[in-house]
N, C-alpha and C. Protein backbone atom coordinates (compact mmCIF):
# COMPACT_ATOMS: atom_id res chain seq x y z
N MET A 1 96.85 95.35 118.14
CA MET A 1 97.93 94.63 118.08
C MET A 1 98.14 93.69 116.69
N SER A 2 99.20 93.40 116.40
CA SER A 2 99.46 92.65 115.08
C SER A 2 99.26 91.21 115.16
N GLU A 3 98.80 90.62 114.04
CA GLU A 3 98.70 89.19 114.02
C GLU A 3 99.89 88.41 114.49
N GLU A 4 99.78 87.46 115.38
CA GLU A 4 100.78 86.53 115.89
C GLU A 4 101.33 85.81 114.60
N LYS A 5 102.79 85.76 114.27
CA LYS A 5 103.27 84.91 113.28
C LYS A 5 103.57 83.70 113.74
N LYS A 6 103.17 82.63 112.84
CA LYS A 6 103.44 81.23 113.49
C LYS A 6 104.68 80.80 112.89
N VAL A 7 105.53 80.47 114.21
CA VAL A 7 107.01 79.88 113.75
C VAL A 7 107.06 78.62 114.70
N GLU A 8 107.81 77.85 114.03
CA GLU A 8 108.07 76.53 114.63
C GLU A 8 109.24 76.73 115.80
N VAL A 9 108.92 76.48 116.95
CA VAL A 9 109.86 76.75 117.98
C VAL A 9 110.35 75.33 118.41
N PRO A 10 111.60 74.94 118.50
CA PRO A 10 112.23 73.80 118.96
C PRO A 10 111.76 73.61 120.49
N ALA A 11 111.51 72.27 120.66
CA ALA A 11 110.94 71.98 122.22
C ALA A 11 111.83 72.60 123.28
N LYS A 12 113.04 72.52 122.98
CA LYS A 12 113.96 73.15 124.15
C LYS A 12 113.90 74.43 124.48
N PHE A 13 113.33 75.34 123.55
CA PHE A 13 113.36 76.78 123.77
C PHE A 13 111.79 76.99 124.00
N GLN A 14 110.56 76.03 123.94
CA GLN A 14 109.31 76.39 124.08
C GLN A 14 109.01 77.16 125.21
N ALA A 15 109.20 76.73 126.54
CA ALA A 15 109.28 77.45 127.59
C ALA A 15 109.65 78.96 127.75
N LEU A 16 110.72 78.90 127.27
CA LEU A 16 111.44 80.24 127.15
C LEU A 16 110.69 81.28 126.28
N VAL A 17 110.24 80.87 125.19
CA VAL A 17 109.60 81.67 124.01
C VAL A 17 108.12 82.04 124.73
N GLU A 18 107.49 81.05 125.46
CA GLU A 18 106.26 81.57 125.88
C GLU A 18 106.60 82.49 127.19
N GLN A 19 107.43 82.41 127.84
CA GLN A 19 107.76 83.72 128.98
C GLN A 19 108.07 84.83 128.26
N ILE A 20 108.77 84.74 127.19
CA ILE A 20 109.20 86.09 126.63
C ILE A 20 107.80 86.64 125.84
N ALA A 21 107.02 85.69 125.23
CA ALA A 21 105.73 86.38 124.71
C ALA A 21 104.90 86.93 125.73
N LYS A 22 105.04 86.86 126.75
CA LYS A 22 104.02 87.40 127.99
C LYS A 22 104.62 88.91 128.34
N LEU A 23 105.86 89.00 128.12
CA LEU A 23 106.59 90.15 128.47
C LEU A 23 105.92 91.55 127.72
N SER A 24 105.98 92.69 128.50
CA SER A 24 105.72 93.86 127.83
C SER A 24 106.89 94.52 126.95
N VAL A 25 106.57 95.49 126.24
CA VAL A 25 107.62 95.86 125.24
C VAL A 25 108.76 96.55 126.06
N LEU A 26 108.50 97.26 127.40
CA LEU A 26 109.22 97.84 128.06
C LEU A 26 110.19 96.74 128.87
N ASP A 27 109.51 95.59 129.11
CA ASP A 27 110.29 94.51 129.79
C ASP A 27 111.30 93.85 128.91
N LEU A 28 110.89 93.61 127.40
CA LEU A 28 111.53 93.21 126.55
C LEU A 28 112.84 94.15 126.16
N ALA A 29 112.67 95.39 126.23
CA ALA A 29 113.58 96.38 126.02
C ALA A 29 114.63 96.22 127.10
N GLU A 30 114.19 96.08 128.29
CA GLU A 30 115.08 95.99 129.37
C GLU A 30 115.89 94.64 129.51
N LEU A 31 115.09 93.55 128.94
CA LEU A 31 116.06 92.26 128.95
C LEU A 31 116.86 92.39 127.85
N VAL A 32 116.73 92.89 126.81
CA VAL A 32 117.77 93.07 125.60
C VAL A 32 118.99 93.80 126.21
N LYS A 33 118.70 95.06 127.03
CA LYS A 33 119.95 95.69 127.54
C LYS A 33 120.83 94.73 128.65
N VAL A 34 120.03 93.97 129.44
CA VAL A 34 120.76 93.06 130.21
C VAL A 34 121.48 91.88 129.42
N LEU A 35 121.08 91.50 128.50
CA LEU A 35 121.70 90.35 127.78
C LEU A 35 122.81 91.02 127.07
N GLU A 36 122.75 92.23 126.34
CA GLU A 36 123.79 93.00 125.93
C GLU A 36 125.03 93.14 126.88
N GLU A 37 124.74 93.68 128.00
CA GLU A 37 125.57 93.82 128.99
C GLU A 37 126.23 92.66 129.50
N LYS A 38 125.46 91.52 129.72
CA LYS A 38 126.15 90.30 130.20
C LYS A 38 127.08 89.66 129.45
N PHE A 39 126.77 89.72 127.78
CA PHE A 39 127.35 88.88 126.97
C PHE A 39 128.45 89.74 126.29
N GLY A 40 128.32 91.29 126.49
CA GLY A 40 129.27 91.98 125.67
C GLY A 40 128.87 92.15 124.16
N VAL A 41 127.77 92.25 124.01
CA VAL A 41 127.22 92.22 122.47
C VAL A 41 126.39 93.24 122.30
N SER A 42 125.88 93.72 120.99
CA SER A 42 124.79 94.63 120.72
C SER A 42 123.97 94.00 119.83
N ALA A 43 122.66 94.19 120.08
CA ALA A 43 121.60 93.61 119.24
C ALA A 43 121.49 94.52 117.90
N ALA A 44 121.91 95.89 117.87
CA ALA A 44 121.90 96.73 116.84
C ALA A 44 123.34 96.65 116.04
N ALA A 45 124.29 95.85 116.52
CA ALA A 45 125.55 95.66 115.54
C ALA A 45 125.39 95.50 114.02
N PRO A 46 124.59 94.26 113.68
CA PRO A 46 124.35 93.86 112.37
C PRO A 46 123.85 95.11 111.63
N MET A 47 122.84 95.76 112.03
CA MET A 47 122.12 96.83 111.18
C MET A 47 123.34 97.99 111.12
N MET A 48 124.12 98.49 112.17
CA MET A 48 125.01 99.28 112.04
C MET A 48 126.22 99.12 111.03
N MET A 49 126.58 97.93 111.14
CA MET A 49 127.67 97.38 110.14
C MET A 49 127.08 97.36 108.70
N ALA A 50 125.92 97.03 108.55
CA ALA A 50 125.29 96.88 107.09
C ALA A 50 125.15 98.64 106.64
N ALA A 51 124.82 99.48 107.49
CA ALA A 51 124.67 100.91 107.10
C ALA A 51 126.04 101.35 106.74
N ALA A 52 127.18 101.10 107.33
CA ALA A 52 128.46 101.53 107.13
C ALA A 52 129.31 100.76 106.10
N ALA A 53 128.60 99.87 105.50
CA ALA A 53 129.36 99.44 104.42
C ALA A 53 129.63 100.20 103.09
N PRO A 54 130.81 100.04 102.74
CA PRO A 54 130.89 101.16 101.67
C PRO A 54 130.16 100.73 100.29
N SER A 55 129.92 101.66 99.41
CA SER A 55 129.53 101.23 98.30
C SER A 55 130.82 101.10 97.18
N LEU A 56 130.60 100.30 96.05
CA LEU A 56 131.72 100.01 95.13
C LEU A 56 131.76 101.37 94.26
N THR A 57 133.08 101.64 94.01
CA THR A 57 133.47 102.82 93.12
C THR A 57 133.13 102.18 91.71
N PRO A 58 132.96 103.08 90.64
CA PRO A 58 132.90 102.52 89.30
C PRO A 58 134.21 101.65 88.93
N GLN A 59 135.48 102.08 89.37
CA GLN A 59 136.47 101.41 89.15
C GLN A 59 136.43 99.84 89.73
N GLN A 60 135.97 99.81 90.87
CA GLN A 60 135.96 98.60 91.64
C GLN A 60 134.73 97.60 91.31
N SER A 61 133.74 98.22 90.61
CA SER A 61 132.67 97.45 89.81
C SER A 61 133.16 96.80 88.58
N LYS A 62 134.11 97.14 88.02
CA LYS A 62 134.69 96.73 86.68
C LYS A 62 135.47 95.57 86.97
N ARG A 63 136.11 95.26 88.22
CA ARG A 63 136.96 94.21 88.61
C ARG A 63 136.12 93.03 88.75
N PRO A 64 136.74 91.85 88.73
CA PRO A 64 136.12 90.59 89.17
C PRO A 64 135.36 90.88 90.76
N ARG A 65 134.32 90.21 90.98
CA ARG A 65 133.54 90.54 92.05
C ARG A 65 134.35 90.21 93.23
N GLY A 66 135.26 89.30 93.50
CA GLY A 66 135.80 89.09 94.60
C GLY A 66 136.98 90.02 94.61
N GLN A 67 137.75 90.71 93.91
CA GLN A 67 138.47 91.80 94.03
C GLN A 67 137.84 92.99 94.34
N ALA A 68 136.54 93.25 93.65
CA ALA A 68 135.84 94.49 93.96
C ALA A 68 135.30 94.45 95.50
N ILE A 69 134.91 93.30 95.96
CA ILE A 69 134.62 93.17 97.46
C ILE A 69 135.73 93.31 98.34
N MET A 70 136.87 92.93 97.94
CA MET A 70 137.98 92.94 99.08
C MET A 70 138.54 94.54 98.90
N GLY A 71 138.37 95.07 97.81
CA GLY A 71 138.80 96.50 97.52
C GLY A 71 137.93 97.39 98.39
N ALA A 72 136.48 97.03 98.40
CA ALA A 72 135.47 97.77 99.24
C ALA A 72 135.90 97.60 100.67
N LEU A 73 136.24 96.34 101.08
CA LEU A 73 136.50 96.02 102.53
C LEU A 73 137.67 96.69 102.87
N SER A 74 138.72 96.87 101.98
CA SER A 74 139.89 97.42 102.50
C SER A 74 139.90 98.90 102.93
N THR A 75 138.95 99.57 102.37
CA THR A 75 138.46 101.08 102.53
C THR A 75 138.07 101.29 104.10
N CYS A 76 137.43 100.23 104.55
CA CYS A 76 137.10 100.33 106.04
C CYS A 76 137.77 99.32 107.13
N SER A 77 138.34 98.51 106.58
CA SER A 77 138.95 97.64 107.53
C SER A 77 140.48 97.45 107.45
N GLY A 78 141.20 97.77 106.52
CA GLY A 78 142.61 97.41 106.29
C GLY A 78 142.78 96.25 105.55
N VAL A 79 141.78 95.50 105.23
CA VAL A 79 142.06 94.35 104.53
C VAL A 79 142.48 94.66 103.23
N THR A 80 143.37 93.94 102.60
CA THR A 80 144.01 94.36 101.23
C THR A 80 143.73 93.00 100.22
N SER A 81 143.46 93.44 99.03
CA SER A 81 143.09 92.41 97.98
C SER A 81 144.61 92.11 97.31
N ARG A 82 144.52 90.95 96.71
CA ARG A 82 145.69 90.35 96.10
C ARG A 82 146.10 91.08 94.79
């Protein structure tokens, strides 16, 4: 098992964090699925979004940064730059 990382936990979450720390990996995976279903979210969404982010073309990289970012976003989300 890896060394436990020291993290300052706010008092209001202390009991919850202690309970979670006692769960097995399988129980943690099940808990994540339950929370995803209950709240209609996905714990994996940020990573999937980062992987899907388009890279800038040479033409976009020569524009001012804000315009280049808006151009990149427009390729995947319909956002348009000015």
